[in-house]
Amino acid sequence: MSTCDFCTMPNARWLYVPQDRARVALMSDDGVVVPLPNDGRWRACDLCSDLVDTDDMERLIARAFTTMRILGVLLPDGGPDLEHMAMVVMANFATVLAGRPTKQPL
């Protein structure tokens, strides 16, 4: 059983493979650039797949955070820490959305 790379729930049924793989990195306040490791290929459950297909980044991140909380991951309740975390997640997800992906069943 495959896990969704977006929300971490079981039953991923789709694979997104970007034609032009985006390379994503983050820069810290002191100028250190850290690449986010991934191969650009993302598995998705049906719900996350719908959000990817409609390019709905806001709801995709909200879904990821909701399932993280359900699974017991401690997340900030709000403020700059949550905004920073959302930015990191969005940058990682952008490797799929920016890469003109092809969608194929798993």
N, C-alpha and C. Protein backbone atom coordinates (compact mmCIF):
# COMPACT_ATOMS: atom_id res chain seq x y z
N MET A 1 0.85 -1.18 0.00
CA MET A 1 0.00 0.00 0.00
C MET A 1 0.89 1.24 0.00
N SER A 2 0.64 2.13 -0.90
CA SER A 2 1.43 3.36 -1.02
C SER A 2 0.84 4.46 -0.16
N THR A 3 1.71 5.29 0.36
CA THR A 3 1.31 6.43 1.17
C THR A 3 1.32 7.69 0.32
N CYS A 4 0.35 8.55 0.54
CA CYS A 4 0.29 9.82 -0.17
C CYS A 4 1.44 10.70 0.29
N ASP A 5 2.20 11.22 -0.66
CA ASP A 5 3.33 12.09 -0.32
C ASP A 5 2.88 13.48 0.14
N PHE A 6 1.63 13.81 -0.08
CA PHE A 6 1.12 15.12 0.32
C PHE A 6 0.54 15.08 1.74
N CYS A 7 -0.37 14.16 1.98
CA CYS A 7 -1.07 14.15 3.28
C CYS A 7 -0.64 13.00 4.19
N THR A 8 0.19 12.10 3.70
CA THR A 8 0.72 10.94 4.43
C THR A 8 -0.33 9.88 4.77
N MET A 9 -1.49 9.96 4.19
CA MET A 9 -2.51 8.95 4.42
C MET A 9 -2.26 7.76 3.48
N PRO A 10 -2.75 6.57 3.85
CA PRO A 10 -2.57 5.41 2.97
C PRO A 10 -3.46 5.51 1.73
N ASN A 11 -3.29 4.59 0.85
CA ASN A 11 -4.11 4.45 -0.35
C ASN A 11 -3.81 5.48 -1.45
N ALA A 12 -2.55 5.82 -1.62
CA ALA A 12 -2.20 6.65 -2.78
C ALA A 12 -2.47 5.84 -4.03
N ARG A 13 -3.12 6.47 -4.99
CA ARG A 13 -3.48 5.76 -6.22
C ARG A 13 -2.88 6.40 -7.47
N TRP A 14 -2.24 7.55 -7.31
CA TRP A 14 -1.74 8.31 -8.46
C TRP A 14 -0.28 8.65 -8.28
N LEU A 15 0.43 8.74 -9.39
CA LEU A 15 1.82 9.18 -9.38
C LEU A 15 1.95 10.35 -10.33
N TYR A 16 2.54 11.43 -9.83
CA TYR A 16 2.80 12.62 -10.65
C TYR A 16 4.29 12.64 -10.98
N VAL A 17 4.58 12.73 -12.27
CA VAL A 17 5.97 12.77 -12.73
C VAL A 17 6.14 14.04 -13.55
N PRO A 18 6.89 15.02 -13.04
CA PRO A 18 7.06 16.26 -13.79
C PRO A 18 7.89 16.05 -15.04
N GLN A 19 7.50 16.72 -16.11
CA GLN A 19 8.29 16.69 -17.33
C GLN A 19 9.53 17.57 -17.18
N ASP A 20 9.37 18.70 -16.53
CA ASP A 20 10.48 19.60 -16.22
C ASP A 20 10.60 19.64 -14.71
N ARG A 21 11.55 18.93 -14.19
CA ARG A 21 11.66 18.81 -12.75
C ARG A 21 12.12 20.12 -12.12
N ALA A 22 11.32 20.62 -11.23
CA ALA A 22 11.69 21.83 -10.50
C ALA A 22 12.68 21.48 -9.41
N ARG A 23 13.62 22.33 -9.22
CA ARG A 23 14.57 22.18 -8.11
C ARG A 23 14.24 23.27 -7.11
N VAL A 24 13.97 22.85 -5.89
CA VAL A 24 13.51 23.80 -4.88
C VAL A 24 14.51 23.84 -3.74
N ALA A 25 14.81 25.04 -3.28
CA ALA A 25 15.70 25.23 -2.15
C ALA A 25 15.16 26.38 -1.31
N LEU A 26 15.56 26.39 -0.07
CA LEU A 26 15.18 27.47 0.84
C LEU A 26 16.44 28.19 1.29
N MET A 27 16.31 29.48 1.54
CA MET A 27 17.43 30.26 2.03
C MET A 27 17.11 30.73 3.45
N SER A 28 18.04 30.48 4.35
CA SER A 28 17.86 30.91 5.73
C SER A 28 18.10 32.41 5.84
N ASP A 29 17.77 32.97 6.99
CA ASP A 29 17.97 34.41 7.21
C ASP A 29 19.44 34.82 7.08
N ASP A 30 20.35 33.85 7.34
CA ASP A 30 21.77 34.19 7.24
C ASP A 30 22.36 33.82 5.87
N GLY A 31 21.49 33.54 4.88
CA GLY A 31 21.94 33.35 3.51
C GLY A 31 22.35 31.94 3.13
N VAL A 32 22.11 30.97 4.01
CA VAL A 32 22.47 29.59 3.70
C VAL A 32 21.36 28.96 2.85
N VAL A 33 21.72 28.42 1.70
CA VAL A 33 20.76 27.79 0.79
C VAL A 33 20.76 26.29 1.05
N VAL A 34 19.56 25.75 1.30
CA VAL A 34 19.41 24.33 1.57
C VAL A 34 18.44 23.74 0.56
N PRO A 35 18.90 22.85 -0.33
CA PRO A 35 17.99 22.22 -1.27
C PRO A 35 17.03 21.28 -0.55
N LEU A 36 15.79 21.21 -1.01
CA LEU A 36 14.83 20.26 -0.46
C LEU A 36 14.96 18.96 -1.26
N PRO A 37 15.31 17.88 -0.57
CA PRO A 37 15.56 16.64 -1.31
C PRO A 37 14.26 15.95 -1.73
N ASN A 38 14.10 15.76 -3.01
CA ASN A 38 13.07 14.88 -3.55
C ASN A 38 13.36 14.69 -5.02
N ASP A 39 12.84 13.62 -5.57
CA ASP A 39 13.12 13.31 -6.97
C ASP A 39 12.08 13.90 -7.91
N GLY A 40 11.13 14.67 -7.35
CA GLY A 40 10.11 15.30 -8.17
C GLY A 40 8.91 14.43 -8.44
N ARG A 41 8.98 13.16 -8.08
CA ARG A 41 7.87 12.23 -8.29
C ARG A 41 7.07 12.14 -6.99
N TRP A 42 5.77 12.35 -7.11
CA TRP A 42 4.93 12.38 -5.92
C TRP A 42 3.73 11.45 -6.08
N ARG A 43 3.48 10.66 -5.04
CA ARG A 43 2.29 9.82 -5.00
C ARG A 43 1.17 10.61 -4.34
N ALA A 44 -0.06 10.36 -4.79
CA ALA A 44 -1.20 11.12 -4.25
C ALA A 44 -2.42 10.22 -4.07
N CYS A 45 -3.15 10.48 -2.98
CA CYS A 45 -4.45 9.84 -2.78
C CYS A 45 -5.46 10.57 -3.67
N ASP A 46 -6.67 10.06 -3.73
CA ASP A 46 -7.68 10.69 -4.59
C ASP A 46 -7.95 12.15 -4.21
N LEU A 47 -8.07 12.42 -2.90
CA LEU A 47 -8.38 13.80 -2.48
C LEU A 47 -7.25 14.77 -2.81
N CYS A 48 -6.02 14.37 -2.50
CA CYS A 48 -4.89 15.25 -2.83
C CYS A 48 -4.71 15.37 -4.33
N SER A 49 -4.98 14.30 -5.06
CA SER A 49 -4.89 14.35 -6.51
C SER A 49 -5.83 15.39 -7.09
N ASP A 50 -7.04 15.46 -6.56
CA ASP A 50 -7.99 16.49 -7.01
C ASP A 50 -7.43 17.89 -6.78
N LEU A 51 -6.77 18.09 -5.64
CA LEU A 51 -6.20 19.40 -5.32
C LEU A 51 -5.00 19.72 -6.21
N VAL A 52 -4.20 18.72 -6.51
CA VAL A 52 -3.08 18.93 -7.44
C VAL A 52 -3.61 19.28 -8.82
N ASP A 53 -4.62 18.53 -9.26
CA ASP A 53 -5.17 18.74 -10.61
C ASP A 53 -5.78 20.13 -10.78
N THR A 54 -6.29 20.70 -9.70
CA THR A 54 -6.89 22.04 -9.77
C THR A 54 -5.93 23.13 -9.31
N ASP A 55 -4.67 22.73 -9.03
CA ASP A 55 -3.63 23.67 -8.61
C ASP A 55 -4.06 24.45 -7.36
N ASP A 56 -4.67 23.75 -6.42
CA ASP A 56 -5.18 24.37 -5.19
C ASP A 56 -4.18 24.18 -4.05
N MET A 57 -3.10 24.95 -4.10
CA MET A 57 -2.03 24.83 -3.12
C MET A 57 -2.52 25.10 -1.70
N GLU A 58 -3.38 26.10 -1.53
CA GLU A 58 -3.85 26.45 -0.18
C GLU A 58 -4.55 25.27 0.49
N ARG A 59 -5.46 24.64 -0.23
CA ARG A 59 -6.19 23.50 0.36
C ARG A 59 -5.30 22.27 0.48
N LEU A 60 -4.32 22.12 -0.40
CA LEU A 60 -3.39 21.00 -0.32
C LEU A 60 -2.55 21.11 0.96
N ILE A 61 -2.07 22.29 1.26
CA ILE A 61 -1.30 22.50 2.49
C ILE A 61 -2.19 22.32 3.72
N ALA A 62 -3.40 22.86 3.67
CA ALA A 62 -4.34 22.70 4.80
C ALA A 62 -4.61 21.23 5.05
N ARG A 63 -4.81 20.45 4.00
CA ARG A 63 -5.06 19.01 4.16
C ARG A 63 -3.84 18.33 4.77
N ALA A 64 -2.65 18.68 4.30
CA ALA A 64 -1.43 18.08 4.85
C ALA A 64 -1.30 18.39 6.34
N PHE A 65 -1.54 19.63 6.72
CA PHE A 65 -1.44 20.01 8.13
C PHE A 65 -2.51 19.32 8.97
N THR A 66 -3.70 19.19 8.43
CA THR A 66 -4.78 18.52 9.17
C THR A 66 -4.42 17.07 9.44
N THR A 67 -3.94 16.36 8.43
CA THR A 67 -3.59 14.96 8.65
C THR A 67 -2.37 14.83 9.56
N MET A 68 -1.42 15.77 9.47
CA MET A 68 -0.28 15.74 10.39
C MET A 68 -0.77 15.83 11.83
N ARG A 69 -1.70 16.74 12.08
CA ARG A 69 -2.24 16.89 13.44
C ARG A 69 -2.96 15.63 13.88
N ILE A 70 -3.73 15.02 12.99
CA ILE A 70 -4.43 13.77 13.32
C ILE A 70 -3.43 12.68 13.68
N LEU A 71 -2.29 12.66 12.99
CA LEU A 71 -1.26 11.65 13.24
C LEU A 71 -0.37 11.99 14.43
N GLY A 72 -0.65 13.12 15.09
CA GLY A 72 0.07 13.47 16.31
C GLY A 72 1.29 14.34 16.12
N VAL A 73 1.51 14.87 14.92
CA VAL A 73 2.63 15.77 14.69
C VAL A 73 2.31 17.11 15.35
N LEU A 74 3.24 17.60 16.16
CA LEU A 74 3.03 18.87 16.83
C LEU A 74 3.31 20.01 15.85
N LEU A 75 2.29 20.81 15.59
CA LEU A 75 2.42 21.95 14.70
C LEU A 75 2.09 23.22 15.47
N PRO A 76 2.71 24.32 15.11
CA PRO A 76 2.35 25.59 15.75
C PRO A 76 0.88 25.91 15.50
N ASP A 77 0.25 26.59 16.45
CA ASP A 77 -1.16 26.95 16.31
C ASP A 77 -1.36 28.12 15.34
N GLY A 78 -0.35 28.87 15.09
CA GLY A 78 -0.46 30.01 14.20
C GLY A 78 0.81 30.84 14.28
N GLY A 79 0.73 32.03 13.73
CA GLY A 79 1.85 32.95 13.81
C GLY A 79 2.97 32.63 12.83
N PRO A 80 4.12 33.25 13.05
CA PRO A 80 5.24 33.13 12.11
C PRO A 80 5.77 31.70 11.98
N ASP A 81 5.73 30.92 13.06
CA ASP A 81 6.24 29.55 12.97
C ASP A 81 5.39 28.70 12.03
N LEU A 82 4.07 28.83 12.11
CA LEU A 82 3.19 28.10 11.20
C LEU A 82 3.34 28.62 9.77
N GLU A 83 3.48 29.92 9.62
CA GLU A 83 3.68 30.49 8.28
C GLU A 83 4.98 29.97 7.66
N HIS A 84 6.03 29.88 8.46
CA HIS A 84 7.31 29.37 7.96
C HIS A 84 7.15 27.91 7.54
N MET A 85 6.49 27.13 8.37
CA MET A 85 6.28 25.72 8.04
C MET A 85 5.47 25.58 6.75
N ALA A 86 4.44 26.41 6.60
CA ALA A 86 3.61 26.37 5.38
C ALA A 86 4.45 26.72 4.16
N MET A 87 5.38 27.66 4.32
CA MET A 87 6.25 28.05 3.21
C MET A 87 7.16 26.89 2.80
N VAL A 88 7.69 26.16 3.77
CA VAL A 88 8.55 25.02 3.47
C VAL A 88 7.75 23.93 2.76
N VAL A 89 6.55 23.64 3.27
CA VAL A 89 5.70 22.62 2.65
C VAL A 89 5.32 23.05 1.23
N MET A 90 4.95 24.32 1.06
CA MET A 90 4.57 24.82 -0.25
C MET A 90 5.74 24.72 -1.23
N ALA A 91 6.93 25.05 -0.80
CA ALA A 91 8.09 24.95 -1.68
C ALA A 91 8.33 23.52 -2.10
N ASN A 92 8.15 22.59 -1.19
CA ASN A 92 8.33 21.18 -1.53
C ASN A 92 7.25 20.71 -2.49
N PHE A 93 6.00 21.05 -2.23
CA PHE A 93 4.90 20.67 -3.12
C PHE A 93 5.05 21.31 -4.49
N ALA A 94 5.68 22.46 -4.55
CA ALA A 94 5.84 23.18 -5.82
C ALA A 94 6.64 22.38 -6.83
N THR A 95 7.44 21.42 -6.37
CA THR A 95 8.20 20.60 -7.30
C THR A 95 7.26 19.82 -8.22
N VAL A 96 6.08 19.53 -7.74
CA VAL A 96 5.09 18.84 -8.56
C VAL A 96 4.30 19.83 -9.40
N LEU A 97 3.78 20.83 -8.77
CA LEU A 97 2.88 21.75 -9.46
C LEU A 97 3.59 22.57 -10.53
N ALA A 98 4.89 22.84 -10.34
CA ALA A 98 5.64 23.64 -11.31
C ALA A 98 6.25 22.80 -12.42
N GLY A 99 6.22 21.50 -12.27
CA GLY A 99 6.93 20.65 -13.20
C GLY A 99 6.12 20.08 -14.33
N ARG A 100 4.96 20.68 -14.64
CA ARG A 100 4.07 20.17 -15.68
C ARG A 100 3.99 18.65 -15.64
N PRO A 101 3.44 18.11 -14.55
CA PRO A 101 3.49 16.67 -14.34
C PRO A 101 2.53 15.88 -15.24
N THR A 102 2.94 14.66 -15.50
CA THR A 102 2.01 13.70 -16.08
C THR A 102 1.47 12.89 -14.90
N LYS A 103 0.22 12.51 -15.01
CA LYS A 103 -0.44 11.76 -13.95
C LYS A 103 -0.67 10.35 -14.44
N GLN A 104 -0.26 9.39 -13.61
CA GLN A 104 -0.45 8.00 -13.99
C GLN A 104 -0.92 7.20 -12.78
N PRO A 105 -1.71 6.17 -13.01
CA PRO A 105 -2.15 5.34 -11.88
C PRO A 105 -0.99 4.54 -11.31
N LEU A 106 -1.04 4.30 -10.03
CA LEU A 106 -0.01 3.45 -9.39
C LEU A 106 -0.33 1.98 -9.61
